[in-house]
Protein backbone atom coordinates (compact mmCIF):
# COMPACT_ATOMS: atom_id res chain seq x y z
CA GLY A 1 -170.73 193.07 186.64
CA ARG A 2 -167.30 194.27 185.57
CA MET A 3 -164.84 196.97 186.61
CA LEU A 4 -162.04 198.72 184.74
CA ALA A 5 -158.70 198.05 186.45
CA ASP A 6 -155.65 200.19 185.76
CA ALA A 7 -152.12 198.94 186.48
CA ASP A 8 -149.67 201.80 186.22
CA TYR A 9 -145.87 201.71 186.51
CA SER A 10 -144.68 204.32 189.01
CA GLN A 11 -142.12 206.73 187.50
CA ILE A 12 -140.79 204.02 185.19
CA GLU A 13 -138.76 206.36 182.97
CA LEU A 14 -136.88 207.84 185.93
CA ARG A 15 -136.28 204.35 187.32
CA VAL A 16 -134.92 203.26 183.93
CA LEU A 17 -132.72 206.40 183.90
CA ALA A 18 -131.39 205.51 187.35
CA HIS A 19 -130.55 202.00 186.16
CA LEU A 20 -128.99 202.93 182.82
CA SER A 21 -126.96 205.83 184.23
CA GLY A 22 -125.91 204.01 187.40
CA ASP A 23 -126.27 207.31 189.27
CA LYS A 24 -125.71 206.46 192.94
CA ALA A 25 -127.86 209.27 194.40
CA MET A 26 -130.85 208.41 192.22
CA ILE A 27 -130.51 204.68 192.83
CA LYS A 28 -130.30 205.29 196.59
CA THR A 29 -133.51 207.36 196.60
CA PHE A 30 -135.49 204.71 194.69
CA CYS A 31 -134.08 201.78 196.68
CA GLU A 32 -134.93 203.49 199.97
CA GLY A 33 -138.46 204.27 198.81
CA GLY A 34 -137.87 208.03 198.83
CA ASP A 35 -139.72 210.59 196.77
CA ILE A 36 -137.44 211.43 193.84
CA HIS A 37 -139.02 214.84 193.18
CA THR A 38 -138.72 215.96 196.80
CA GLU A 39 -135.14 214.68 196.96
CA THR A 40 -134.28 216.52 193.75
CA ALA A 41 -135.77 219.77 195.04
CA ALA A 42 -133.89 219.39 198.33
CA SER A 43 -130.56 218.80 196.59
CA VAL A 44 -130.97 221.60 194.05
CA LEU A 45 -132.21 224.14 196.60
CA ASN A 46 -129.91 222.87 199.37
CA VAL A 47 -132.66 222.59 201.99
CA PRO A 48 -133.91 219.61 204.05
CA PRO A 49 -136.52 217.45 202.24
CA GLU A 50 -139.12 218.10 204.95
CA LEU A 51 -139.02 221.84 204.15
CA ILE A 52 -139.78 221.41 200.44
CA THR A 53 -143.08 223.02 199.44
CA PRO A 54 -145.55 221.49 196.95
CA GLU A 55 -144.61 224.20 194.44
CA GLN A 56 -140.89 223.42 194.80
CA ARG A 57 -141.66 219.73 194.33
CA ARG A 58 -143.62 220.51 191.15
CA SER A 59 -140.65 222.46 189.79
CA ALA A 60 -138.31 219.57 190.60
CA LYS A 61 -140.71 217.18 188.87
CA ALA A 62 -140.54 219.32 185.72
CA VAL A 63 -136.74 219.22 185.91
CA ASN A 64 -136.64 215.44 186.46
CA PHE A 65 -138.87 214.65 183.50
CA GLY A 66 -137.43 217.47 181.40
CA ILE A 67 -133.91 216.09 181.76
CA VAL A 68 -135.14 212.81 180.25
CA TYR A 69 -136.14 214.76 177.15
CA GLY A 70 -133.00 216.90 176.98
CA ILE A 71 -134.85 220.04 178.03
CA GLY A 72 -133.06 223.39 177.74
CA ALA A 73 -133.14 226.37 180.09
CA PHE A 74 -135.55 228.35 177.88
CA SER A 75 -138.19 225.60 177.78
CA LEU A 76 -137.81 224.82 181.48
CA ALA A 77 -138.16 228.50 182.36
CA LYS A 78 -141.53 228.55 180.59
CA ASP A 79 -142.64 225.30 182.22
CA ILE A 80 -141.97 226.37 185.81
CA ASN A 81 -142.40 230.13 185.36
CA VAL A 82 -138.91 231.31 186.30
CA SER A 83 -136.24 233.31 184.51
CA VAL A 84 -133.97 231.59 181.98
CA PRO A 85 -130.84 232.08 184.17
CA GLU A 86 -132.69 230.53 187.13
CA ALA A 87 -133.83 227.60 184.99
CA LYS A 88 -130.25 227.12 183.80
CA ARG A 89 -129.11 227.04 187.42
CA TYR A 90 -131.75 224.38 188.17
CA ILE A 91 -130.44 222.21 185.33
CA ASP A 92 -126.77 222.77 186.22
CA ASP A 93 -127.40 222.00 189.90
CA TYR A 94 -129.40 218.91 188.95
CA LEU A 95 -126.59 217.57 186.74
CA THR A 96 -124.04 218.33 189.47
CA HIS A 97 -126.04 216.38 192.05
CA TYR A 98 -126.89 213.55 189.65
CA SER A 99 -123.45 213.47 188.05
CA GLY A 100 -124.01 209.92 186.80
CA VAL A 101 -126.91 211.17 184.71
CA LYS A 102 -124.72 213.87 183.13
CA ALA A 103 -122.02 211.31 182.28
CA TYR A 104 -124.63 208.95 180.85
CA MET A 105 -126.25 211.62 178.67
CA ASP A 106 -122.83 212.62 177.31
CA LYS A 107 -122.02 208.97 176.58
CA VAL A 108 -125.24 208.19 174.71
CA THR A 109 -125.11 211.33 172.57
CA ALA A 110 -121.46 210.65 171.67
CA SER A 111 -122.35 207.06 170.78
CA ALA A 112 -125.29 208.19 168.63
CA GLU A 113 -123.08 210.70 166.80
CA LYS A 114 -120.60 207.92 166.05
CA ASP A 115 -123.10 205.18 165.09
CA GLY A 116 -126.09 207.15 163.82
CA TRP A 117 -128.50 205.40 166.18
CA ALA A 118 -129.48 204.93 169.82
CA VAL A 119 -130.34 201.60 171.41
CA THR A 120 -132.60 200.43 174.23
CA MET A 121 -131.56 198.13 177.07
CA PHE A 122 -133.00 195.23 175.09
CA GLY A 123 -131.03 196.02 171.94
CA ARG A 124 -133.75 197.76 169.91
CA LYS A 125 -132.27 200.44 167.66
CA ARG A 126 -133.65 203.79 166.64
CA PHE A 127 -131.82 205.42 163.76
CA ILE A 128 -131.25 209.15 164.28
CA PRO A 129 -130.20 210.85 161.01
CA GLU A 130 -130.83 214.24 162.65
CA ILE A 131 -127.77 213.89 164.87
CA LEU A 132 -125.52 213.81 161.79
CA SER A 133 -127.00 217.01 160.36
CA THR A 134 -124.86 220.09 159.75
CA ASN A 135 -127.85 222.24 160.72
CA LYS A 136 -127.42 223.15 164.41
CA THR A 137 -131.14 223.12 165.20
CA VAL A 138 -131.67 219.73 163.58
CA LYS A 139 -128.55 218.34 165.25
CA ALA A 140 -129.77 219.58 168.66
CA LEU A 141 -133.03 217.70 168.05
CA GLY A 142 -131.00 214.60 167.23
CA LYS A 143 -129.13 214.90 170.52
CA ARG A 144 -132.39 215.16 172.47
CA ILE A 145 -133.71 212.07 170.66
CA ALA A 146 -130.46 210.24 171.46
CA MET A 147 -130.78 211.11 175.17
CA ASN A 148 -134.41 210.07 175.39
CA THR A 149 -134.56 206.97 173.20
CA PRO A 150 -132.74 204.52 175.52
CA ILE A 151 -134.91 205.65 178.44
CA GLN A 152 -138.35 205.94 176.88
CA GLY A 153 -137.61 203.07 174.50
CA THR A 154 -136.57 200.75 177.34
CA ALA A 155 -139.72 201.69 179.27
CA ALA A 156 -141.73 200.85 176.14
CA ASP A 157 -139.95 197.50 175.83
CA ILE A 158 -140.70 196.68 179.48
CA ILE A 159 -144.44 197.40 179.20
CA LYS A 160 -144.67 195.22 176.08
CA ILE A 161 -142.88 192.30 177.76
CA ALA A 162 -145.15 192.75 180.79
CA MET A 163 -148.22 192.82 178.54
CA ARG A 164 -147.24 189.52 176.95
CA GLN A 165 -146.51 187.81 180.28
CA VAL A 166 -149.68 189.11 181.94
CA GLN A 167 -151.81 187.90 179.02
CA ASP A 168 -150.18 184.45 179.13
CA GLU A 169 -150.84 184.18 182.86
CA LEU A 170 -154.47 185.31 182.54
CA VAL A 171 -155.06 182.61 179.92
CA ARG A 172 -153.22 179.97 181.97
CA SER A 173 -155.19 180.77 185.13
CA GLY A 174 -158.55 180.61 183.37
CA ALA A 175 -159.46 184.11 184.56
CA LYS A 176 -162.34 185.90 182.87
CA THR A 177 -160.43 189.18 183.04
CA LYS A 178 -159.58 190.71 179.67
CA LEU A 179 -156.51 192.83 178.94
CA ILE A 180 -158.03 195.52 176.75
CA LEU A 181 -155.64 198.44 176.47
CA GLN A 182 -152.09 199.69 176.92
CA VAL A 183 -151.59 203.43 177.44
CA HIS A 184 -147.92 204.43 177.74
CA ASP A 185 -146.83 202.89 181.08
CA GLU A 186 -150.17 201.39 182.12
CA LEU A 187 -152.25 198.33 181.31
CA ASP A 188 -156.05 198.46 181.51
CA PHE A 189 -158.28 195.46 182.14
CA SER A 190 -161.97 194.59 182.07
CA VAL A 191 -162.32 192.63 185.32
CA PRO A 192 -165.29 190.73 186.82
CA THR A 193 -165.88 192.16 190.30
CA ASP A 194 -165.14 188.80 191.94
CA GLU A 195 -161.65 188.71 190.32
CA ILE A 196 -160.48 192.21 191.29
CA GLU A 197 -158.30 191.24 194.26
CA GLU A 198 -156.79 188.16 192.62
CA VAL A 199 -156.06 189.90 189.32
CA SER A 200 -154.61 193.00 191.03
CA ALA A 201 -152.11 190.80 192.88
CA LEU A 202 -151.29 188.78 189.75
CA VAL A 203 -150.73 191.84 187.55
CA SER A 204 -148.61 193.64 190.18
CA ARG A 205 -146.43 190.58 190.71
CA ILE A 206 -145.73 190.08 187.01
CA MET A 207 -145.23 193.74 186.10
CA GLU A 208 -142.87 194.35 189.03
CA SER A 209 -140.72 191.29 188.27
CA VAL A 210 -140.65 191.38 184.47
CA VAL A 211 -137.08 192.71 184.41
CA GLU A 212 -134.39 193.09 187.06
CA LEU A 213 -133.09 196.64 187.42
CA SER A 214 -130.81 198.19 190.01
CA VAL A 215 -133.93 199.89 191.43
CA PRO A 216 -137.33 198.35 192.16
CA LEU A 217 -140.16 198.58 189.67
CA LEU A 218 -143.40 199.58 191.42
CA VAL A 219 -146.94 199.24 190.10
CA ASP A 220 -150.07 201.02 191.33
CA VAL A 221 -153.34 199.20 190.66
CA SER A 222 -156.66 201.01 190.92
CA TRP A 223 -160.13 200.36 189.57
CA GLY A 224 -163.52 201.90 188.98
CA LYS A 225 -166.65 201.75 186.85
CA ASN A 226 -164.89 203.73 184.11
CA TRP A 227 -161.44 205.02 183.18
CA ALA A 228 -161.91 208.30 185.08
CA GLU A 229 -162.87 206.50 188.28
CA ALA A 230 -159.93 204.13 187.89
CA HIS A 231 -157.61 207.14 187.99
C-alpha cells in the first residue's frame, strides 16, 4: 500500500554556481526557464539553440559539470572524445561566454590560497591544506577543491536544510509518509498511495523555497513501486 517517492533538485549545483558567481548569462537562462546545456552548446559553437544536436548538448553538459570540478582540457577531451586542443577551446569559449564564472573561480581560489580554506554560502568551512603545497600536482588538486567546495558544499547545505524542514512539516501535518533517504540532491520517501499527491506538493513547495537564490530552485517529484521505477 505504499510507493517510493523521489524528490530531486534540478541542476542544483549549476544553479548555485549561477547565484554565487552572479554570471548574467547563466542567471538569465535559468530565470527564463531555458535549457542550460543547450544554451552553453549554442554559445560555445556559435549556432542557434534550435540547431544543437543531442550529441552537442551532451558535450556541453560535460563542460558545464566539469567546470564545477575544475576540469582540465585533458580530462574533458577523454570525457567527450575530442582532441585536447579542441577540449581546451571548449573550456576557453565557455569561460569567455560565462565570464562571471571565470572571475568567480579566480576569486575563490585566490581566497583559499590566502586563508587555507573555502567556505559555503552558509559559512561552513572546508580546510584545504593541499592548496598551500609546494608540489604542483597537489596544489592543482587544492585549487580544484577550492573551486568546487562552495558550489557542492552549498548544495549539500541546502538539501540538509530542506530535509529538516520537510521532516518537521510531515510531523506537523500528521502524514503517514516517512522520509527514509537522502541521496546527493534528492530526498526519498515511503508514501501511502492516498498521500502521493498531497506529499508531492508539500515536498516541492518546501524544497523550492528553502533558500532564496538569484535563480529559481526547481524540484522534480516522481514515484514508483521501487527506486528504479521512481527514476
